[in-house]
Amino acid sequence: MTLERLDLRGADADDSRLERAELRQSDLRTSQWRGALWHRVRARDCDLTELDLSSAQLLRCDLGPVRMARIRMHRAKIQDTTFKESELYAADFAGAVLIRVVFEGYEHATVSLSRTDWTGAALFDVDFRRANLYGATLRDAALVRCNLRGVNLCGADLTGVRLVGCETTGADLDGATF
């Protein structure tokens, strides 16, 4: 199912299911999808700014390029999903569980994850390919087998973070707090 040029600004889609859908040039700003299931959803050239996916499940999704600034994924379960060339400035991933997720930046730039909140999140096999986590909060987060190679963690709050089997070669930790 393809949904193109759809205007769902401020829509209430709590606890709904969106499966095998392709979103193109759609506007979902400030819509509510709390507790929803997104399965095999592809989104391109969409605006998902301030979308609320708290406690939602995202399975096998391909998101990008899309605008996702200040998106709420608090306590979400995200698995086998790719965020490609997406703007995730100040996104809320606190308490989320991510398994085999890829954050892939632009060819000559980084994916923006600056000022994101990962407090208490659990990340397994997450690849932060060309990611910018400047000023991110990873307080009490657990990262297992994650790729942080060359990632910008300047000014990040890493208090209580647990890194197990992570690749950190070339990560920039200037001004980070531990």
N, C-alpha and C. Protein backbone atom coordinates (compact mmCIF):
# COMPACT_ATOMS: atom_id res chain seq x y z
N MET A 1 0.85 -1.16 0.00
CA MET A 1 0.00 0.00 0.00
C MET A 1 0.90 1.24 0.00
N THR A 2 0.66 2.16 -0.90
CA THR A 2 1.43 3.40 -0.98
C THR A 2 0.54 4.57 -0.57
N LEU A 3 1.03 5.35 0.38
CA LEU A 3 0.33 6.55 0.84
C LEU A 3 1.18 7.75 0.44
N GLU A 4 0.71 8.50 -0.53
CA GLU A 4 1.50 9.60 -1.06
C GLU A 4 0.79 10.93 -0.84
N ARG A 5 1.61 11.93 -0.41
CA ARG A 5 1.11 13.29 -0.16
C ARG A 5 -0.09 13.30 0.80
N LEU A 6 0.02 12.49 1.82
CA LEU A 6 -1.02 12.38 2.83
C LEU A 6 -0.78 13.40 3.93
N ASP A 7 -1.82 14.08 4.38
CA ASP A 7 -1.71 15.05 5.46
C ASP A 7 -2.38 14.47 6.71
N LEU A 8 -1.54 14.01 7.64
CA LEU A 8 -2.04 13.45 8.90
C LEU A 8 -1.54 14.27 10.09
N ARG A 9 -1.31 15.55 9.90
CA ARG A 9 -0.83 16.39 10.99
C ARG A 9 -1.79 16.31 12.18
N GLY A 10 -1.21 15.98 13.34
CA GLY A 10 -1.99 15.96 14.57
C GLY A 10 -2.97 14.81 14.69
N ALA A 11 -2.91 13.83 13.80
CA ALA A 11 -3.86 12.71 13.82
C ALA A 11 -3.64 11.83 15.05
N ASP A 12 -4.70 11.18 15.50
CA ASP A 12 -4.63 10.23 16.62
C ASP A 12 -4.68 8.82 16.06
N ALA A 13 -3.53 8.15 16.06
CA ALA A 13 -3.45 6.79 15.55
C ALA A 13 -2.91 5.85 16.63
N ASP A 14 -3.16 6.17 17.89
CA ASP A 14 -2.68 5.35 19.00
C ASP A 14 -3.14 3.90 18.84
N ASP A 15 -2.24 2.98 19.16
CA ASP A 15 -2.52 1.53 19.15
C ASP A 15 -2.94 0.99 17.78
N SER A 16 -2.63 1.70 16.71
CA SER A 16 -3.01 1.23 15.38
C SER A 16 -1.87 0.41 14.76
N ARG A 17 -2.15 -0.21 13.63
CA ARG A 17 -1.18 -1.02 12.90
C ARG A 17 -0.98 -0.43 11.51
N LEU A 18 0.28 -0.29 11.13
CA LEU A 18 0.62 0.14 9.79
C LEU A 18 1.61 -0.90 9.26
N GLU A 19 1.17 -1.71 8.29
CA GLU A 19 2.00 -2.81 7.83
C GLU A 19 2.17 -2.77 6.31
N ARG A 20 3.41 -3.08 5.88
CA ARG A 20 3.75 -3.13 4.44
C ARG A 20 3.27 -1.88 3.70
N ALA A 21 3.52 -0.75 4.32
CA ALA A 21 3.09 0.53 3.73
C ALA A 21 4.30 1.33 3.29
N GLU A 22 4.08 2.14 2.26
CA GLU A 22 5.11 3.07 1.82
C GLU A 22 4.54 4.48 1.92
N LEU A 23 5.21 5.30 2.71
CA LEU A 23 4.80 6.69 2.88
C LEU A 23 5.72 7.55 2.03
N ARG A 24 5.14 8.38 1.17
CA ARG A 24 5.94 9.28 0.32
C ARG A 24 5.39 10.69 0.43
N GLN A 25 6.28 11.63 0.68
CA GLN A 25 5.93 13.05 0.72
C GLN A 25 4.69 13.30 1.59
N SER A 26 4.64 12.61 2.73
CA SER A 26 3.50 12.75 3.62
C SER A 26 3.88 13.56 4.85
N ASP A 27 2.90 14.20 5.45
CA ASP A 27 3.10 15.06 6.61
C ASP A 27 2.40 14.45 7.81
N LEU A 28 3.19 13.93 8.75
CA LEU A 28 2.64 13.32 9.96
C LEU A 28 3.05 14.10 11.20
N ARG A 29 3.44 15.35 11.03
CA ARG A 29 3.90 16.15 12.17
C ARG A 29 2.90 16.12 13.32
N THR A 30 3.43 15.97 14.51
CA THR A 30 2.69 15.99 15.78
C THR A 30 1.58 14.94 15.88
N SER A 31 1.54 13.95 15.00
CA SER A 31 0.52 12.92 15.13
C SER A 31 0.92 11.92 16.22
N GLN A 32 -0.07 11.24 16.78
CA GLN A 32 0.11 10.33 17.91
C GLN A 32 0.00 8.89 17.43
N TRP A 33 1.05 8.10 17.62
CA TRP A 33 1.07 6.69 17.26
C TRP A 33 1.53 5.87 18.47
N ARG A 34 1.17 6.30 19.67
CA ARG A 34 1.61 5.61 20.89
C ARG A 34 1.09 4.17 20.89
N GLY A 35 2.01 3.23 21.19
CA GLY A 35 1.64 1.82 21.25
C GLY A 35 1.32 1.19 19.91
N ALA A 36 1.61 1.89 18.83
CA ALA A 36 1.30 1.38 17.48
C ALA A 36 2.33 0.35 17.03
N LEU A 37 1.99 -0.37 15.99
CA LEU A 37 2.90 -1.30 15.33
C LEU A 37 3.16 -0.80 13.92
N TRP A 38 4.43 -0.54 13.59
CA TRP A 38 4.84 -0.24 12.22
C TRP A 38 5.67 -1.43 11.77
N HIS A 39 5.18 -2.20 10.81
CA HIS A 39 5.87 -3.38 10.33
C HIS A 39 6.12 -3.24 8.83
N ARG A 40 7.40 -3.31 8.46
CA ARG A 40 7.81 -3.16 7.05
C ARG A 40 7.29 -1.86 6.42
N VAL A 41 7.41 -0.79 7.18
CA VAL A 41 7.01 0.53 6.69
C VAL A 41 8.23 1.19 6.06
N ARG A 42 8.03 1.78 4.90
CA ARG A 42 9.07 2.56 4.23
C ARG A 42 8.58 3.99 4.15
N ALA A 43 9.43 4.93 4.53
CA ALA A 43 9.05 6.34 4.47
C ALA A 43 10.15 7.11 3.72
N ARG A 44 9.73 7.94 2.77
CA ARG A 44 10.66 8.74 1.96
C ARG A 44 10.12 10.16 1.86
N ASP A 45 11.01 11.12 2.06
CA ASP A 45 10.66 12.53 1.87
C ASP A 45 9.42 12.93 2.66
N CYS A 46 9.35 12.46 3.88
CA CYS A 46 8.20 12.76 4.76
C CYS A 46 8.65 13.67 5.90
N ASP A 47 7.68 14.34 6.51
CA ASP A 47 7.95 15.14 7.69
C ASP A 47 7.29 14.48 8.89
N LEU A 48 8.12 13.90 9.76
CA LEU A 48 7.64 13.21 10.96
C LEU A 48 8.05 13.98 12.21
N THR A 49 8.25 15.29 12.07
CA THR A 49 8.66 16.12 13.20
C THR A 49 7.65 16.01 14.34
N GLU A 50 8.17 15.79 15.54
CA GLU A 50 7.38 15.69 16.77
C GLU A 50 6.33 14.58 16.73
N LEU A 51 6.53 13.58 15.88
CA LEU A 51 5.67 12.40 15.85
C LEU A 51 5.85 11.66 17.18
N ASP A 52 4.80 11.11 17.74
CA ASP A 52 4.88 10.39 19.01
C ASP A 52 4.71 8.90 18.78
N LEU A 53 5.80 8.16 18.87
CA LEU A 53 5.80 6.70 18.74
C LEU A 53 6.17 6.05 20.08
N SER A 54 5.82 6.69 21.18
CA SER A 54 6.13 6.15 22.50
C SER A 54 5.51 4.77 22.66
N SER A 55 6.29 3.84 23.19
CA SER A 55 5.87 2.45 23.43
C SER A 55 5.43 1.73 22.16
N ALA A 56 5.77 2.25 21.01
CA ALA A 56 5.42 1.61 19.73
C ALA A 56 6.44 0.53 19.39
N GLN A 57 6.11 -0.29 18.38
CA GLN A 57 7.03 -1.28 17.84
C GLN A 57 7.31 -0.94 16.38
N LEU A 58 8.58 -0.83 16.02
CA LEU A 58 8.98 -0.64 14.64
C LEU A 58 9.80 -1.85 14.23
N LEU A 59 9.27 -2.64 13.31
CA LEU A 59 9.92 -3.88 12.89
C LEU A 59 10.20 -3.85 11.40
N ARG A 60 11.46 -4.02 11.03
CA ARG A 60 11.87 -4.10 9.62
C ARG A 60 11.45 -2.88 8.81
N CYS A 61 11.61 -1.72 9.38
CA CYS A 61 11.25 -0.48 8.69
C CYS A 61 12.46 0.12 7.99
N ASP A 62 12.22 0.91 6.97
CA ASP A 62 13.25 1.61 6.22
C ASP A 62 12.82 3.06 6.16
N LEU A 63 13.44 3.90 6.97
CA LEU A 63 13.00 5.29 7.12
C LEU A 63 14.08 6.24 6.63
N GLY A 64 13.83 6.91 5.54
CA GLY A 64 14.76 7.91 5.08
C GLY A 64 14.83 8.02 3.57
N PRO A 65 15.15 9.23 3.15
CA PRO A 65 15.39 10.41 3.99
C PRO A 65 14.06 11.01 4.48
N VAL A 66 14.03 11.31 5.77
CA VAL A 66 12.85 11.92 6.39
C VAL A 66 13.29 12.90 7.48
N ARG A 67 12.41 13.85 7.79
CA ARG A 67 12.64 14.76 8.91
C ARG A 67 11.96 14.16 10.13
N MET A 68 12.73 13.96 11.20
CA MET A 68 12.20 13.35 12.41
C MET A 68 12.65 14.11 13.66
N ALA A 69 12.86 15.40 13.54
CA ALA A 69 13.31 16.18 14.69
C ALA A 69 12.31 16.07 15.83
N ARG A 70 12.83 15.92 17.02
CA ARG A 70 12.04 15.86 18.27
C ARG A 70 11.01 14.73 18.27
N ILE A 71 11.25 13.67 17.50
CA ILE A 71 10.35 12.52 17.51
C ILE A 71 10.44 11.83 18.87
N ARG A 72 9.33 11.31 19.35
CA ARG A 72 9.30 10.60 20.63
C ARG A 72 9.21 9.10 20.37
N MET A 73 10.28 8.39 20.77
CA MET A 73 10.29 6.93 20.69
C MET A 73 10.57 6.37 22.07
N HIS A 74 10.10 7.08 23.08
CA HIS A 74 10.28 6.71 24.47
C HIS A 74 9.71 5.31 24.70
N ARG A 75 10.55 4.40 25.21
CA ARG A 75 10.15 3.01 25.52
C ARG A 75 9.68 2.22 24.28
N ALA A 76 10.07 2.66 23.10
CA ALA A 76 9.72 1.94 21.87
C ALA A 76 10.61 0.71 21.71
N LYS A 77 10.13 -0.25 20.94
CA LYS A 77 10.90 -1.44 20.57
C LYS A 77 11.17 -1.34 19.07
N ILE A 78 12.46 -1.20 18.72
CA ILE A 78 12.84 -0.98 17.32
C ILE A 78 13.79 -2.09 16.90
N GLN A 79 13.42 -2.84 15.86
CA GLN A 79 14.22 -3.99 15.47
C GLN A 79 14.36 -4.06 13.95
N ASP A 80 15.59 -4.40 13.50
CA ASP A 80 15.89 -4.58 12.08
C ASP A 80 15.40 -3.40 11.25
N THR A 81 15.69 -2.20 11.72
CA THR A 81 15.22 -0.97 11.08
C THR A 81 16.40 -0.10 10.69
N THR A 82 16.26 0.61 9.56
CA THR A 82 17.30 1.51 9.09
C THR A 82 16.76 2.94 9.03
N PHE A 83 17.52 3.86 9.62
CA PHE A 83 17.25 5.29 9.52
C PHE A 83 18.33 5.83 8.58
N LYS A 84 17.96 6.18 7.37
CA LYS A 84 18.96 6.59 6.38
C LYS A 84 18.76 8.05 6.01
N GLU A 85 19.87 8.80 6.12
CA GLU A 85 19.86 10.22 5.74
C GLU A 85 18.71 10.96 6.39
N SER A 86 18.53 10.72 7.68
CA SER A 86 17.39 11.30 8.40
C SER A 86 17.85 12.28 9.46
N GLU A 87 17.03 13.28 9.68
CA GLU A 87 17.26 14.32 10.69
C GLU A 87 16.53 13.90 11.96
N LEU A 88 17.29 13.54 12.99
CA LEU A 88 16.70 13.06 14.24
C LEU A 88 17.09 13.96 15.42
N TYR A 89 17.30 15.24 15.16
CA TYR A 89 17.73 16.17 16.18
C TYR A 89 16.78 16.13 17.38
N ALA A 90 17.33 16.01 18.60
CA ALA A 90 16.60 16.04 19.86
C ALA A 90 15.52 14.96 19.97
N ALA A 91 15.72 13.83 19.29
CA ALA A 91 14.77 12.71 19.39
C ALA A 91 14.86 12.07 20.77
N ASP A 92 13.75 11.50 21.23
CA ASP A 92 13.68 10.87 22.55
C ASP A 92 13.63 9.36 22.39
N PHE A 93 14.75 8.69 22.71
CA PHE A 93 14.84 7.24 22.69
C PHE A 93 14.97 6.70 24.12
N ALA A 94 14.63 7.48 25.13
CA ALA A 94 14.80 7.06 26.53
C ALA A 94 14.01 5.79 26.80
N GLY A 95 14.68 4.81 27.40
CA GLY A 95 14.03 3.55 27.75
C GLY A 95 13.71 2.66 26.58
N ALA A 96 14.13 3.03 25.37
CA ALA A 96 13.84 2.23 24.18
C ALA A 96 14.76 1.02 24.11
N VAL A 97 14.33 0.01 23.36
CA VAL A 97 15.15 -1.17 23.09
C VAL A 97 15.36 -1.22 21.57
N LEU A 98 16.62 -1.19 21.14
CA LEU A 98 16.94 -1.22 19.72
C LEU A 98 17.79 -2.46 19.43
N ILE A 99 17.39 -3.24 18.44
CA ILE A 99 18.11 -4.45 18.07
C ILE A 99 18.35 -4.42 16.56
N ARG A 100 19.63 -4.54 16.18
CA ARG A 100 20.03 -4.53 14.75
C ARG A 100 19.44 -3.34 14.00
N VAL A 101 19.76 -2.16 14.50
CA VAL A 101 19.28 -0.92 13.90
C VAL A 101 20.48 -0.19 13.30
N VAL A 102 20.27 0.45 12.14
CA VAL A 102 21.33 1.19 11.48
C VAL A 102 20.92 2.66 11.36
N PHE A 103 21.81 3.56 11.78
CA PHE A 103 21.64 4.99 11.57
C PHE A 103 22.70 5.38 10.55
N GLU A 104 22.29 5.57 9.32
CA GLU A 104 23.25 5.80 8.24
C GLU A 104 23.17 7.24 7.75
N GLY A 105 24.33 7.90 7.75
CA GLY A 105 24.39 9.29 7.33
C GLY A 105 24.43 9.46 5.83
N TYR A 106 24.50 10.71 5.42
CA TYR A 106 24.61 11.06 4.01
C TYR A 106 26.00 10.66 3.52
N GLU A 107 26.18 10.61 2.21
CA GLU A 107 27.46 10.17 1.66
C GLU A 107 28.63 11.00 2.18
N HIS A 108 28.46 12.32 2.26
CA HIS A 108 29.56 13.17 2.70
C HIS A 108 29.22 13.93 3.98
N ALA A 109 28.26 13.46 4.73
CA ALA A 109 27.87 14.12 5.98
C ALA A 109 27.38 13.06 6.96
N THR A 110 27.03 13.52 8.14
CA THR A 110 26.59 12.61 9.18
C THR A 110 25.08 12.63 9.35
N VAL A 111 24.55 11.57 9.91
CA VAL A 111 23.14 11.57 10.30
C VAL A 111 23.09 12.33 11.62
N SER A 112 22.15 13.24 11.77
CA SER A 112 22.10 14.08 12.96
C SER A 112 21.30 13.41 14.07
N LEU A 113 22.02 13.02 15.10
CA LEU A 113 21.42 12.50 16.32
C LEU A 113 21.84 13.39 17.49
N SER A 114 22.17 14.65 17.18
CA SER A 114 22.62 15.55 18.23
C SER A 114 21.48 15.87 19.19
N ARG A 115 21.85 15.97 20.46
CA ARG A 115 20.92 16.29 21.55
C ARG A 115 19.82 15.24 21.72
N THR A 116 20.05 14.01 21.26
CA THR A 116 19.08 12.94 21.45
C THR A 116 19.19 12.40 22.88
N ASP A 117 18.10 11.82 23.38
CA ASP A 117 18.06 11.27 24.73
C ASP A 117 17.94 9.76 24.66
N TRP A 118 18.94 9.06 25.19
CA TRP A 118 19.01 7.60 25.21
C TRP A 118 19.01 7.09 26.64
N THR A 119 18.56 7.88 27.59
CA THR A 119 18.61 7.52 29.01
C THR A 119 17.97 6.15 29.25
N GLY A 120 18.74 5.23 29.83
CA GLY A 120 18.23 3.92 30.17
C GLY A 120 17.88 3.03 28.99
N ALA A 121 18.28 3.41 27.79
CA ALA A 121 17.98 2.60 26.59
C ALA A 121 18.89 1.37 26.54
N ALA A 122 18.43 0.33 25.85
CA ALA A 122 19.23 -0.88 25.62
C ALA A 122 19.43 -1.03 24.12
N LEU A 123 20.68 -1.01 23.67
CA LEU A 123 21.00 -1.06 22.25
C LEU A 123 21.86 -2.28 21.96
N PHE A 124 21.41 -3.14 21.06
CA PHE A 124 22.13 -4.35 20.70
C PHE A 124 22.41 -4.34 19.20
N ASP A 125 23.68 -4.46 18.82
CA ASP A 125 24.08 -4.52 17.41
C ASP A 125 23.58 -3.31 16.63
N VAL A 126 23.69 -2.13 17.22
CA VAL A 126 23.28 -0.89 16.56
C VAL A 126 24.50 -0.29 15.86
N ASP A 127 24.32 0.11 14.61
CA ASP A 127 25.39 0.68 13.80
C ASP A 127 25.14 2.17 13.62
N PHE A 128 25.98 2.98 14.26
CA PHE A 128 25.87 4.44 14.15
C PHE A 128 26.79 4.93 13.04
N ARG A 129 26.60 4.43 11.86
CA ARG A 129 27.40 4.75 10.69
C ARG A 129 27.29 6.25 10.38
N ARG A 130 28.44 6.94 10.40
CA ARG A 130 28.48 8.38 10.10
C ARG A 130 27.45 9.17 10.93
N ALA A 131 27.42 8.91 12.23
CA ALA A 131 26.44 9.58 13.09
C ALA A 131 27.07 10.70 13.91
N ASN A 132 26.27 11.72 14.18
CA ASN A 132 26.67 12.83 15.02
C ASN A 132 25.80 12.79 16.28
N LEU A 133 26.41 12.38 17.40
CA LEU A 133 25.70 12.29 18.68
C LEU A 133 26.15 13.43 19.61
N TYR A 134 26.45 14.58 19.03
CA TYR A 134 26.90 15.74 19.81
C TYR A 134 25.85 16.09 20.87
N GLY A 135 26.30 16.19 22.12
CA GLY A 135 25.41 16.62 23.20
C GLY A 135 24.32 15.61 23.55
N ALA A 136 24.45 14.37 23.08
CA ALA A 136 23.44 13.35 23.37
C ALA A 136 23.53 12.91 24.83
N THR A 137 22.42 12.45 25.38
CA THR A 137 22.39 11.91 26.74
C THR A 137 22.25 10.40 26.65
N LEU A 138 23.30 9.69 27.08
CA LEU A 138 23.29 8.23 27.10
C LEU A 138 23.37 7.72 28.54
N ARG A 139 22.90 8.50 29.46
CA ARG A 139 22.98 8.18 30.89
C ARG A 139 22.32 6.81 31.16
N ASP A 140 23.10 5.92 31.80
CA ASP A 140 22.63 4.59 32.21
C ASP A 140 22.17 3.71 31.05
N ALA A 141 22.58 4.01 29.83
CA ALA A 141 22.23 3.18 28.67
C ALA A 141 23.19 1.99 28.59
N ALA A 142 22.73 0.91 27.98
CA ALA A 142 23.57 -0.27 27.75
C ALA A 142 23.72 -0.45 26.24
N LEU A 143 24.96 -0.47 25.77
CA LEU A 143 25.26 -0.66 24.36
C LEU A 143 26.06 -1.95 24.21
N VAL A 144 25.53 -2.90 23.46
CA VAL A 144 26.18 -4.20 23.29
C VAL A 144 26.47 -4.41 21.80
N ARG A 145 27.75 -4.64 21.48
CA ARG A 145 28.21 -4.88 20.10
C ARG A 145 27.77 -3.77 19.14
N CYS A 146 27.83 -2.54 19.58
CA CYS A 146 27.44 -1.41 18.73
C CYS A 146 28.65 -0.84 18.01
N ASN A 147 28.43 -0.28 16.83
CA ASN A 147 29.48 0.35 16.05
C ASN A 147 29.44 1.85 16.30
N LEU A 148 30.43 2.35 17.07
CA LEU A 148 30.56 3.78 17.36
C LEU A 148 31.83 4.33 16.71
N ARG A 149 32.34 3.63 15.72
CA ARG A 149 33.58 4.01 15.05
C ARG A 149 33.44 5.40 14.42
N GLY A 150 34.30 6.33 14.84
CA GLY A 150 34.33 7.67 14.25
C GLY A 150 33.14 8.54 14.61
N VAL A 151 32.34 8.14 15.57
CA VAL A 151 31.13 8.89 15.95
C VAL A 151 31.50 10.11 16.78
N ASN A 152 30.81 11.21 16.56
CA ASN A 152 31.00 12.43 17.34
C ASN A 152 30.16 12.33 18.61
N LEU A 153 30.84 12.19 19.76
CA LEU A 153 30.18 12.15 21.07
C LEU A 153 30.60 13.35 21.91
N CYS A 154 31.02 14.43 21.24
CA CYS A 154 31.44 15.64 21.95
C CYS A 154 30.30 16.17 22.81
N GLY A 155 30.60 16.49 24.06
CA GLY A 155 29.61 17.06 24.95
C GLY A 155 28.52 16.09 25.37
N ALA A 156 28.68 14.80 25.07
CA ALA A 156 27.66 13.80 25.42
C ALA A 156 27.73 13.47 26.91
N ASP A 157 26.58 13.11 27.49
CA ASP A 157 26.51 12.64 28.87
C ASP A 157 26.57 11.13 28.84
N LEU A 158 27.71 10.57 29.24
CA LEU A 158 27.93 9.13 29.22
C LEU A 158 27.96 8.56 30.65
N THR A 159 27.36 9.26 31.59
CA THR A 159 27.34 8.83 32.98
C THR A 159 26.63 7.49 33.11
N GLY A 160 27.35 6.50 33.64
CA GLY A 160 26.76 5.19 33.88
C GLY A 160 26.52 4.35 32.64
N VAL A 161 26.98 4.80 31.48
CA VAL A 161 26.78 4.03 30.25
C VAL A 161 27.62 2.74 30.33
N ARG A 162 27.09 1.66 29.79
CA ARG A 162 27.80 0.38 29.74
C ARG A 162 28.03 0.02 28.28
N LEU A 163 29.32 -0.14 27.92
CA LEU A 163 29.70 -0.52 26.57
C LEU A 163 30.27 -1.94 26.62
N VAL A 164 29.63 -2.87 25.91
CA VAL A 164 30.08 -4.25 25.91
C VAL A 164 30.36 -4.67 24.47
N GLY A 165 31.62 -4.92 24.16
CA GLY A 165 31.98 -5.38 22.82
C GLY A 165 31.73 -4.36 21.73
N CYS A 166 31.75 -3.08 22.06
CA CYS A 166 31.49 -2.02 21.07
C CYS A 166 32.78 -1.59 20.38
N GLU A 167 32.67 -1.21 19.12
CA GLU A 167 33.79 -0.66 18.36
C GLU A 167 33.77 0.85 18.54
N THR A 168 34.84 1.41 19.13
CA THR A 168 34.87 2.84 19.44
C THR A 168 36.06 3.57 18.80
N THR A 169 36.77 2.91 17.91
CA THR A 169 37.94 3.50 17.28
C THR A 169 37.58 4.84 16.62
N GLY A 170 38.34 5.88 16.97
CA GLY A 170 38.15 7.19 16.34
C GLY A 170 36.95 7.97 16.84
N ALA A 171 36.25 7.48 17.86
CA ALA A 171 35.12 8.24 18.42
C ALA A 171 35.66 9.50 19.08
N ASP A 172 34.99 10.63 18.88
CA ASP A 172 35.40 11.91 19.45
C ASP A 172 34.65 12.14 20.74
N LEU A 173 35.37 12.14 21.87
CA LEU A 173 34.76 12.26 23.19
C LEU A 173 35.07 13.61 23.85
N ASP A 174 35.49 14.59 23.06
CA ASP A 174 35.85 15.89 23.61
C ASP A 174 34.67 16.50 24.38
N GLY A 175 34.89 16.81 25.66
CA GLY A 175 33.87 17.45 26.47
C GLY A 175 32.77 16.52 26.98
N ALA A 176 32.90 15.22 26.71
CA ALA A 176 31.90 14.26 27.20
C ALA A 176 32.07 14.07 28.70
N THR A 177 30.98 13.80 29.40
CA THR A 177 31.04 13.54 30.84
C THR A 177 30.80 12.04 31.08
N PHE A 178 31.59 11.52 32.05
CA PHE A 178 31.50 10.10 32.37
C PHE A 178 31.05 9.89 33.80
